């Protein structure tokens, strides 16, 4: 039976078959199982490292509870959208034709 037909019958591509063949050729079953468990452990360790470097909660799983209620979030967005006094001065200077330091364009 051709490889393509075998792969189609079992629901994976022939490229996947050749990749697996390259990866696992010459291994015994126990070696392949050990490799798979080491790869799984490596993924877990990488995730733990990334979580600790980014300050995430890591061991507990998901992102945790929401820190802001929808109402508090709207208030925070509104506060961020408000201009600071410095921004207001820059906008007024721009609208009047002056540069950021107050001198007019000449």
Protein backbone atom coordinates (compact mmCIF):
# COMPACT_ATOMS: atom_id res chain seq x y z
CA UNK A 1 0.00 0.00 0.00
CA UNK A 2 1.47 3.43 -0.91
CA UNK A 3 2.37 5.83 1.91
CA UNK A 4 0.00 8.51 0.59
CA UNK A 5 -2.96 6.12 0.71
CA UNK A 6 -2.03 4.90 4.20
CA UNK A 7 -1.74 8.46 5.51
CA UNK A 8 -5.05 9.51 3.93
CA UNK A 9 -6.78 6.50 5.46
CA UNK A 10 -5.52 7.40 8.96
CA UNK A 11 -6.14 11.14 8.64
CA UNK A 12 -2.72 12.79 8.49
CA UNK A 13 -0.52 14.13 5.72
CA UNK A 14 2.32 12.26 4.11
CA UNK A 15 4.59 15.19 5.07
CA UNK A 16 3.78 14.47 8.72
CA UNK A 17 4.61 10.80 8.16
CA UNK A 18 8.01 11.63 6.67
CA UNK A 19 8.70 14.08 9.50
CA UNK A 20 7.92 11.42 12.09
CA UNK A 21 10.00 8.88 10.20
CA UNK A 22 12.98 11.25 10.22
CA UNK A 23 12.55 12.04 13.89
CA UNK A 24 11.95 8.54 15.23
CA UNK A 25 13.97 6.31 12.86
CA UNK A 26 16.31 4.06 14.82
CA UNK A 27 14.57 4.60 18.17
CA UNK A 28 13.06 1.90 20.27
CA UNK A 29 9.55 2.43 21.64
CA UNK A 30 10.80 3.22 25.16
CA UNK A 31 13.24 5.83 23.75
CA UNK A 32 10.45 7.47 21.74
CA UNK A 33 8.23 7.60 24.85
CA UNK A 34 11.09 9.10 26.86
CA UNK A 35 11.69 11.73 24.15
CA UNK A 36 8.02 12.64 24.16
CA UNK A 37 7.97 13.03 27.95
CA UNK A 38 11.12 15.16 27.87
CA UNK A 39 9.60 17.40 25.21
CA UNK A 40 6.46 17.79 27.34
CA UNK A 41 8.56 18.60 30.41
CA UNK A 42 10.59 21.12 28.40
CA UNK A 43 7.42 22.92 27.31
CA UNK A 44 6.24 23.09 30.93
CA UNK A 45 9.58 24.43 32.12
CA UNK A 46 9.67 27.06 29.37
CA UNK A 47 6.17 28.18 30.34
CA UNK A 48 7.16 28.42 34.02
CA UNK A 49 10.25 30.44 33.12
CA UNK A 50 8.27 32.81 30.92
CA UNK A 51 5.62 33.25 33.60
CA UNK A 52 8.21 33.99 36.26
CA UNK A 53 10.04 36.45 34.01
CA UNK A 54 6.82 38.26 33.15
CA UNK A 55 5.47 38.10 36.70
CA UNK A 56 2.46 35.97 35.84
CA UNK A 57 0.69 33.65 38.20
CA UNK A 58 2.17 30.54 36.55
CA UNK A 59 1.33 27.59 38.79
CA UNK A 60 -2.29 28.58 39.33
CA UNK A 61 -3.09 28.40 35.64
CA UNK A 62 -5.32 31.06 34.13
CA UNK A 63 -5.06 34.81 34.27
CA UNK A 64 -7.08 35.12 37.44
CA UNK A 65 -9.95 37.43 38.35
CA UNK A 66 -10.60 40.72 36.60
CA UNK A 67 -8.81 43.57 38.30
CA UNK A 68 -11.26 46.25 37.15
CA UNK A 69 -15.01 46.18 36.96
CA UNK A 70 -16.47 47.46 33.69
CA UNK A 71 -17.45 50.73 35.40
CA UNK A 72 -13.93 51.23 36.80
CA UNK A 73 -12.45 50.40 33.40
CA UNK A 74 -14.60 53.06 31.71
CA UNK A 75 -13.47 55.59 34.31
CA UNK A 76 -9.82 54.66 33.75
CA UNK A 77 -10.17 55.03 29.97
CA UNK A 78 -11.87 58.41 30.40
CA UNK A 79 -9.05 59.55 32.69
CA UNK A 80 -6.43 58.46 30.16
CA UNK A 81 -8.23 60.31 27.39
CA UNK A 82 -8.19 63.59 29.29
CA UNK A 83 -5.41 65.90 28.26
CA UNK A 84 -2.74 66.96 30.71
CA UNK A 85 -2.03 70.70 31.17
CA UNK A 86 1.14 70.31 29.09
CA UNK A 87 -0.82 68.68 26.27
CA UNK A 88 -3.41 71.48 26.39
CA UNK A 89 -0.65 74.10 26.09
CA UNK A 90 0.88 72.29 23.13
CA UNK A 91 -2.49 72.04 21.37
CA UNK A 92 -3.20 75.75 21.94
CA UNK A 93 0.27 76.67 20.71
CA UNK A 94 -0.18 74.54 17.60
CA UNK A 95 -3.59 75.98 16.87
CA UNK A 96 -2.29 79.55 17.24
CA UNK A 97 0.66 78.90 14.93
CA UNK A 98 3.35 78.93 17.64
CA UNK A 99 5.80 76.08 18.14
CA UNK A 100 6.01 73.99 21.28
CA UNK A 101 8.13 76.62 23.08
CA UNK A 102 5.74 79.48 22.46
CA UNK A 103 7.51 81.37 19.70
CA UNK A 104 5.50 82.06 16.56
CA UNK A 105 6.57 80.79 13.19
CA UNK A 106 8.24 83.54 11.27
